[in-house]
Amino acid sequence: MADSVYRVTEVIGTSPNSFAEAAKNAIETAAKSVRDLRIAEVLREDVVIEDGAVKAYRVRLGISFKYESSEGE
């Protein structure tokens, strides 16, 4: 098995409904421009509060993707 190299970058997803939907939004958006996503780790969850009520859910994810090999693995 050849060695692999991965990059981890942070993205933040938001949703008015739930943390799960916020994470899904972040992953689906990132997948449109980054190929070969592998893992998403929840780094932080928080909520936006307005007038004493939860306005939005936010999830910060560390997503990893594999660098492509120039050797045609």
PDB file of N, CA and C in Angstrom:
ATOM      1  N   MET A   1       0.846  -1.185   0.000  1.00  0.00           N
ATOM      2  CA  MET A   1       0.000   0.000   0.000  1.00  0.00           C
ATOM      3  C   MET A   1       0.889   1.246   0.000  1.00  0.00           C
ATOM      4  N   ALA A   2       0.609   2.158  -0.896  1.00  0.00           N
ATOM      5  CA  ALA A   2       1.393   3.391  -0.998  1.00  0.00           C
ATOM      6  C   ALA A   2       1.034   4.350   0.123  1.00  0.00           C
ATOM      7  N   ASP A   3       1.997   5.191   0.483  1.00  0.00           N
ATOM      8  CA  ASP A   3       1.735   6.215   1.489  1.00  0.00           C
ATOM      9  C   ASP A   3       0.731   7.224   0.940  1.00  0.00           C
ATOM     10  N   SER A   4      -0.061   7.799   1.831  1.00  0.00           N
ATOM     11  CA  SER A   4      -1.038   8.814   1.439  1.00  0.00           C
ATOM     12  C   SER A   4      -0.820  10.063   2.271  1.00  0.00           C
ATOM     13  N   VAL A   5      -1.199  11.184   1.697  1.00  0.00           N
ATOM     14  CA  VAL A   5      -1.121  12.464   2.389  1.00  0.00           C
ATOM     15  C   VAL A   5      -2.495  13.104   2.352  1.00  0.00           C
ATOM     16  N   TYR A   6      -2.913  13.604   3.503  1.00  0.00           N
ATOM     17  CA  TYR A   6      -4.233  14.219   3.620  1.00  0.00           C
ATOM     18  C   TYR A   6      -4.099  15.656   4.107  1.00  0.00           C
ATOM     19  N   ARG A   7      -5.034  16.476   3.709  1.00  0.00           N
ATOM     20  CA  ARG A   7      -5.115  17.857   4.187  1.00  0.00           C
ATOM     21  C   ARG A   7      -6.367  17.974   5.047  1.00  0.00           C
ATOM     22  N   VAL A   8      -6.265  18.732   6.126  1.00  0.00           N
ATOM     23  CA  VAL A   8      -7.422  19.014   6.965  1.00  0.00           C
ATOM     24  C   VAL A   8      -7.664  20.515   6.926  1.00  0.00           C
ATOM     25  N   THR A   9      -8.884  20.888   6.647  1.00  0.00           N
ATOM     26  CA  THR A   9      -9.254  22.297   6.618  1.00  0.00           C
ATOM     27  C   THR A   9     -10.567  22.471   7.370  1.00  0.00           C
ATOM     28  N   GLU A  10     -10.796  23.665   7.869  1.00  0.00           N
ATOM     29  CA  GLU A  10     -12.004  23.916   8.648  1.00  0.00           C
ATOM     30  C   GLU A  10     -13.063  24.607   7.794  1.00  0.00           C
ATOM     31  N   VAL A  11     -14.292  24.163   7.989  1.00  0.00           N
ATOM     32  CA  VAL A  11     -15.445  24.796   7.358  1.00  0.00           C
ATOM     33  C   VAL A  11     -16.519  24.977   8.423  1.00  0.00           C
ATOM     34  N   ILE A  12     -17.385  25.938   8.214  1.00  0.00           N
ATOM     35  CA  ILE A  12     -18.495  26.180   9.138  1.00  0.00           C
ATOM     36  C   ILE A  12     -19.786  26.094   8.353  1.00  0.00           C
ATOM     37  N   GLY A  13     -20.694  25.259   8.841  1.00  0.00           N
ATOM     38  CA  GLY A  13     -22.019  25.142   8.238  1.00  0.00           C
ATOM     39  C   GLY A  13     -23.061  25.737   9.166  1.00  0.00           C
ATOM     40  N   THR A  14     -24.124  26.265   8.581  1.00  0.00           N
ATOM     41  CA  THR A  14     -25.195  26.847   9.381  1.00  0.00           C
ATOM     42  C   THR A  14     -26.537  26.269   8.949  1.00  0.00           C
ATOM     43  N   SER A  15     -27.488  26.335   9.864  1.00  0.00           N
ATOM     44  CA  SER A  15     -28.848  25.886   9.589  1.00  0.00           C
ATOM     45  C   SER A  15     -29.786  26.525  10.593  1.00  0.00           C
ATOM     46  N   PRO A  16     -30.988  26.866  10.169  1.00  0.00           N
ATOM     47  CA  PRO A  16     -31.970  27.358  11.131  1.00  0.00           C
ATOM     48  C   PRO A  16     -32.629  26.228  11.925  1.00  0.00           C
ATOM     49  N   ASN A  17     -32.334  24.952  11.548  1.00  0.00           N
ATOM     50  CA  ASN A  17     -33.070  23.817  12.101  1.00  0.00           C
ATOM     51  C   ASN A  17     -32.310  22.935  13.089  1.00  0.00           C
ATOM     52  N   SER A  18     -31.034  22.612  12.795  1.00  0.00           N
ATOM     53  CA  SER A  18     -30.334  21.655  13.656  1.00  0.00           C
ATOM     54  C   SER A  18     -28.832  21.652  13.387  1.00  0.00           C
ATOM     55  N   PHE A  19     -28.084  21.084  14.360  1.00  0.00           N
ATOM     56  CA  PHE A  19     -26.646  20.904  14.177  1.00  0.00           C
ATOM     57  C   PHE A  19     -26.377  19.915  13.043  1.00  0.00           C
ATOM     58  N   ALA A  20     -27.166  18.848  12.972  1.00  0.00           N
ATOM     59  CA  ALA A  20     -26.962  17.839  11.929  1.00  0.00           C
ATOM     60  C   ALA A  20     -27.136  18.446  10.542  1.00  0.00           C
ATOM     61  N   GLU A  21     -28.140  19.270  10.379  1.00  0.00           N
ATOM     62  CA  GLU A  21     -28.366  19.915   9.086  1.00  0.00           C
ATOM     63  C   GLU A  21     -27.258  20.910   8.769  1.00  0.00           C
ATOM     64  N   ALA A  22     -26.752  21.592   9.782  1.00  0.00           N
ATOM     65  CA  ALA A  22     -25.640  22.520   9.576  1.00  0.00           C
ATOM     66  C   ALA A  22     -24.402  21.767   9.082  1.00  0.00           C
ATOM     67  N   ALA A  23     -24.108  20.611   9.690  1.00  0.00           N
ATOM     68  CA  ALA A  23     -22.961  19.802   9.258  1.00  0.00           C
ATOM     69  C   ALA A  23     -23.160  19.299   7.837  1.00  0.00           C
ATOM     70  N   LYS A  24     -24.360  18.842   7.539  1.00  0.00           N
ATOM     71  CA  LYS A  24     -24.669  18.342   6.194  1.00  0.00           C
ATOM     72  C   LYS A  24     -24.491  19.450   5.161  1.00  0.00           C
ATOM     73  N   ASN A  25     -24.959  20.650   5.470  1.00  0.00           N
ATOM     74  CA  ASN A  25     -24.803  21.782   4.554  1.00  0.00           C
ATOM     75  C   ASN A  25     -23.331  22.080   4.291  1.00  0.00           C
ATOM     76  N   ALA A  26     -22.515  22.056   5.335  1.00  0.00           N
ATOM     77  CA  ALA A  26     -21.085  22.334   5.177  1.00  0.00           C
ATOM     78  C   ALA A  26     -20.415  21.285   4.290  1.00  0.00           C
ATOM     79  N   ILE A  27     -20.704  20.029   4.531  1.00  0.00           N
ATOM     80  CA  ILE A  27     -20.085  18.947   3.761  1.00  0.00           C
ATOM     81  C   ILE A  27     -20.530  18.974   2.309  1.00  0.00           C
ATOM     82  N   GLU A  28     -21.821  19.145   2.078  1.00  0.00           N
ATOM     83  CA  GLU A  28     -22.320  19.155   0.701  1.00  0.00           C
ATOM     84  C   GLU A  28     -21.770  20.343  -0.088  1.00  0.00           C
ATOM     85  N   THR A  29     -21.619  21.483   0.559  1.00  0.00           N
ATOM     86  CA  THR A  29     -21.055  22.648  -0.119  1.00  0.00           C
ATOM     87  C   THR A  29     -19.571  22.438  -0.414  1.00  0.00           C
ATOM     88  N   ALA A  30     -18.823  21.932   0.557  1.00  0.00           N
ATOM     89  CA  ALA A  30     -17.390  21.677   0.348  1.00  0.00           C
ATOM     90  C   ALA A  30     -17.169  20.643  -0.754  1.00  0.00           C
ATOM     91  N   ALA A  31     -18.030  19.652  -0.822  1.00  0.00           N
ATOM     92  CA  ALA A  31     -17.879  18.581  -1.813  1.00  0.00           C
ATOM     93  C   ALA A  31     -18.043  19.073  -3.247  1.00  0.00           C
ATOM     94  N   LYS A  32     -18.637  20.239  -3.421  1.00  0.00           N
ATOM     95  CA  LYS A  32     -18.799  20.799  -4.769  1.00  0.00           C
ATOM     96  C   LYS A  32     -17.475  21.292  -5.344  1.00  0.00           C
ATOM     97  N   SER A  33     -16.513  21.631  -4.477  1.00  0.00           N
ATOM     98  CA  SER A  33     -15.247  22.157  -4.985  1.00  0.00           C
ATOM     99  C   SER A  33     -14.013  21.382  -4.521  1.00  0.00           C
ATOM    100  N   VAL A  34     -14.187  20.439  -3.588  1.00  0.00           N
ATOM    101  CA  VAL A  34     -13.064  19.636  -3.107  1.00  0.00           C
ATOM    102  C   VAL A  34     -13.382  18.169  -3.367  1.00  0.00           C
ATOM    103  N   ARG A  35     -12.472  17.503  -4.081  1.00  0.00           N
ATOM    104  CA  ARG A  35     -12.688  16.085  -4.381  1.00  0.00           C
ATOM    105  C   ARG A  35     -12.147  15.198  -3.266  1.00  0.00           C
ATOM    106  N   ASP A  36     -12.701  14.024  -3.178  1.00  0.00           N
ATOM    107  CA  ASP A  36     -12.191  12.953  -2.324  1.00  0.00           C
ATOM    108  C   ASP A  36     -12.201  13.317  -0.832  1.00  0.00           C
ATOM    109  N   LEU A  37     -13.308  13.926  -0.381  1.00  0.00           N
ATOM    110  CA  LEU A  37     -13.457  14.171   1.056  1.00  0.00           C
ATOM    111  C   LEU A  37     -13.475  12.830   1.775  1.00  0.00           C
ATOM    112  N   ARG A  38     -12.842  12.767   2.940  1.00  0.00           N
ATOM    113  CA  ARG A  38     -12.717  11.497   3.655  1.00  0.00           C
ATOM    114  C   ARG A  38     -13.413  11.490   5.007  1.00  0.00           C
ATOM    115  N   ILE A  39     -13.095  12.451   5.839  1.00  0.00           N
ATOM    116  CA  ILE A  39     -13.576  12.474   7.225  1.00  0.00           C
ATOM    117  C   ILE A  39     -13.994  13.893   7.572  1.00  0.00           C
ATOM    118  N   ALA A  40     -15.036  14.006   8.377  1.00  0.00           N
ATOM    119  CA  ALA A  40     -15.412  15.304   8.943  1.00  0.00           C
ATOM    120  C   ALA A  40     -15.500  15.124  10.454  1.00  0.00           C
ATOM    121  N   GLU A  41     -14.766  15.950  11.163  1.00  0.00           N
ATOM    122  CA  GLU A  41     -14.753  15.902  12.621  1.00  0.00           C
ATOM    123  C   GLU A  41     -15.392  17.175  13.163  1.00  0.00           C
ATOM    124  N   VAL A  42     -16.369  17.020  14.051  1.00  0.00           N
ATOM    125  CA  VAL A  42     -16.997  18.187  14.656  1.00  0.00           C
ATOM    126  C   VAL A  42     -16.016  18.791  15.654  1.00  0.00           C
ATOM    127  N   LEU A  43     -15.636  20.040  15.405  1.00  0.00           N
ATOM    128  CA  LEU A  43     -14.695  20.734  16.275  1.00  0.00           C
ATOM    129  C   LEU A  43     -15.414  21.612  17.292  1.00  0.00           C
ATOM    130  N   ARG A  44     -16.551  22.141  16.875  1.00  0.00           N
ATOM    131  CA  ARG A  44     -17.279  23.063  17.755  1.00  0.00           C
ATOM    132  C   ARG A  44     -18.714  23.213  17.265  1.00  0.00           C
ATOM    133  N   GLU A  45     -19.619  23.328  18.196  1.00  0.00           N
ATOM    134  CA  GLU A  45     -21.007  23.641  17.885  1.00  0.00           C
ATOM    135  C   GLU A  45     -21.409  24.872  18.690  1.00  0.00           C
ATOM    136  N   ASP A  46     -22.158  25.762  18.060  1.00  0.00           N
ATOM    137  CA  ASP A  46     -22.699  26.894  18.801  1.00  0.00           C
ATOM    138  C   ASP A  46     -24.002  27.331  18.153  1.00  0.00           C
ATOM    139  N   VAL A  47     -24.684  28.241  18.816  1.00  0.00           N
ATOM    140  CA  VAL A  47     -25.944  28.750  18.286  1.00  0.00           C
ATOM    141  C   VAL A  47     -25.909  30.268  18.252  1.00  0.00           C
ATOM    142  N   VAL A  48     -26.652  30.817  17.310  1.00  0.00           N
ATOM    143  CA  VAL A  48     -26.840  32.253  17.227  1.00  0.00           C
ATOM    144  C   VAL A  48     -28.156  32.553  17.943  1.00  0.00           C
ATOM    145  N   ILE A  49     -28.108  33.503  18.871  1.00  0.00           N
ATOM    146  CA  ILE A  49     -29.299  33.843  19.660  1.00  0.00           C
ATOM    147  C   ILE A  49     -29.744  35.252  19.310  1.00  0.00           C
ATOM    148  N   GLU A  50     -31.027  35.399  19.032  1.00  0.00           N
ATOM    149  CA  GLU A  50     -31.626  36.718  18.794  1.00  0.00           C
ATOM    150  C   GLU A  50     -32.919  36.814  19.580  1.00  0.00           C
ATOM    151  N   ASP A  51     -33.078  37.882  20.301  1.00  0.00           N
ATOM    152  CA  ASP A  51     -34.283  38.125  21.108  1.00  0.00           C
ATOM    153  C   ASP A  51     -34.596  36.949  22.032  1.00  0.00           C
ATOM    154  N   GLY A  52     -33.563  36.348  22.605  1.00  0.00           N
ATOM    155  CA  GLY A  52     -33.749  35.259  23.558  1.00  0.00           C
ATOM    156  C   GLY A  52     -34.103  33.917  22.958  1.00  0.00           C
ATOM    157  N   ALA A  53     -34.021  33.790  21.639  1.00  0.00           N
ATOM    158  CA  ALA A  53     -34.354  32.523  20.976  1.00  0.00           C
ATOM    159  C   ALA A  53     -33.220  32.113  20.038  1.00  0.00           C
ATOM    160  N   VAL A  54     -33.113  30.818  19.801  1.00  0.00           N
ATOM    161  CA  VAL A  54     -32.099  30.301  18.879  1.00  0.00           C
ATOM    162  C   VAL A  54     -32.496  30.672  17.455  1.00  0.00           C
ATOM    163  N   LYS A  55     -31.617  31.399  16.798  1.00  0.00           N
ATOM    164  CA  LYS A  55     -31.857  31.839  15.417  1.00  0.00           C
ATOM    165  C   LYS A  55     -31.224  30.881  14.410  1.00  0.00           C
ATOM    166  N   ALA A  56     -30.039  30.348  14.757  1.00  0.00           N
ATOM    167  CA  ALA A  56     -29.337  29.448  13.837  1.00  0.00           C
ATOM    168  C   ALA A  56     -28.388  28.544  14.606  1.00  0.00           C
ATOM    169  N   TYR A  57     -28.164  27.370  14.042  1.00  0.00           N
ATOM    170  CA  TYR A  57     -27.198  26.399  14.563  1.00  0.00           C
ATOM    171  C   TYR A  57     -25.963  26.471  13.679  1.00  0.00           C
ATOM    172  N   ARG A  58     -24.783  26.441  14.308  1.00  0.00           N
ATOM    173  CA  ARG A  58     -23.527  26.480  13.558  1.00  0.00           C
ATOM    174  C   ARG A  58     -22.634  25.330  13.998  1.00  0.00           C
ATOM    175  N   VAL A  59     -22.000  24.709  13.024  1.00  0.00           N
ATOM    176  CA  VAL A  59     -21.068  23.610  13.281  1.00  0.00           C
ATOM    177  C   VAL A  59     -19.762  23.903  12.568  1.00  0.00           C
ATOM    178  N   ARG A  60     -18.660  23.861  13.315  1.00  0.00           N
ATOM    179  CA  ARG A  60     -17.328  23.991  12.721  1.00  0.00           C
ATOM    180  C   ARG A  60     -16.780  22.574  12.559  1.00  0.00           C
ATOM    181  N   LEU A  61     -16.415  22.234  11.335  1.00  0.00           N
ATOM    182  CA  LEU A  61     -15.915  20.899  11.019  1.00  0.00           C
ATOM    183  C   LEU A  61     -14.477  20.973  10.536  1.00  0.00           C
ATOM    184  N   GLY A  62     -13.696  19.986  10.913  1.00  0.00           N
ATOM    185  CA  GLY A  62     -12.398  19.751  10.300  1.00  0.00           C
ATOM    186  C   GLY A  62     -12.618  18.675   9.256  1.00  0.00           C
ATOM    187  N   ILE A  63     -12.519  19.020   7.978  1.00  0.00           N
ATOM    188  CA  ILE A  63     -12.730  18.019   6.931  1.00  0.00           C
ATOM    189  C   ILE A  63     -11.388  17.657   6.310  1.00  0.00           C
ATOM    190  N   SER A  64     -11.237  16.387   5.997  1.00  0.00           N
ATOM    191  CA  SER A  64      -9.980  15.952   5.393  1.00  0.00           C
ATOM    192  C   SER A  64     -10.233  15.419   3.993  1.00  0.00           C
ATOM    193  N   PHE A  65      -9.245  15.638   3.150  1.00  0.00           N
ATOM    194  CA  PHE A  65      -9.286  15.090   1.806  1.00  0.00           C
ATOM    195  C   PHE A  65      -7.891  14.631   1.428  1.00  0.00           C
ATOM    196  N   LYS A  66      -7.850  13.688   0.541  1.00  0.00           N
ATOM    197  CA  LYS A  66      -6.588  13.069   0.145  1.00  0.00           C
ATOM    198  C   LYS A  66      -5.984  13.831  -1.032  1.00  0.00           C
ATOM    199  N   TYR A  67      -4.693  14.121  -0.921  1.00  0.00           N
ATOM    200  CA  TYR A  67      -3.985  14.700  -2.055  1.00  0.00           C
ATOM    201  C   TYR A  67      -3.872  13.648  -3.148  1.00  0.00           C
ATOM    202  N   GLU A  68      -4.025  14.084  -4.387  1.00  0.00           N
ATOM    203  CA  GLU A  68      -3.917  13.163  -5.512  1.00  0.00           C
ATOM    204  C   GLU A  68      -2.452  12.857  -5.773  1.00  0.00           C
ATOM    205  N   SER A  69      -2.184  11.632  -6.104  1.00  0.00           N
ATOM    206  CA  SER A  69      -0.832  11.204  -6.429  1.00  0.00           C
ATOM    207  C   SER A  69      -0.552  11.469  -7.894  1.00  0.00           C
ATOM    208  N   SER A  70       0.654  11.886  -8.191  1.00  0.00           N
ATOM    209  CA  SER A  70       1.043  12.093  -9.596  1.00  0.00           C
ATOM    210  C   SER A  70       1.546  10.800 -10.216  1.00  0.00           C
ATOM    211  N   GLU A  71       1.599   9.737  -9.417  1.00  0.00           N
ATOM    212  CA  GLU A  71       2.116   8.460  -9.896  1.00  0.00           C
ATOM    213  C   GLU A  71       1.014   7.521 -10.336  1.00  0.00           C
ATOM    214  N   GLY A  72      -0.259   7.933 -10.285  1.00  0.00           N
ATOM    215  CA  GLY A  72      -1.365   7.089 -10.737  1.00  0.00           C
ATOM    216  C   GLY A  72      -1.620   5.916  -9.836  1.00  0.00           C
ATOM    217  N   GLU A  73      -1.701   6.109  -8.533  1.00  0.00           N
ATOM    218  CA  GLU A  73      -1.956   5.030  -7.567  1.00  0.00           C
ATOM    219  C   GLU A  73      -3.100   4.162  -7.971  1.00  0.00           C
TER     220      GLU A  73
END
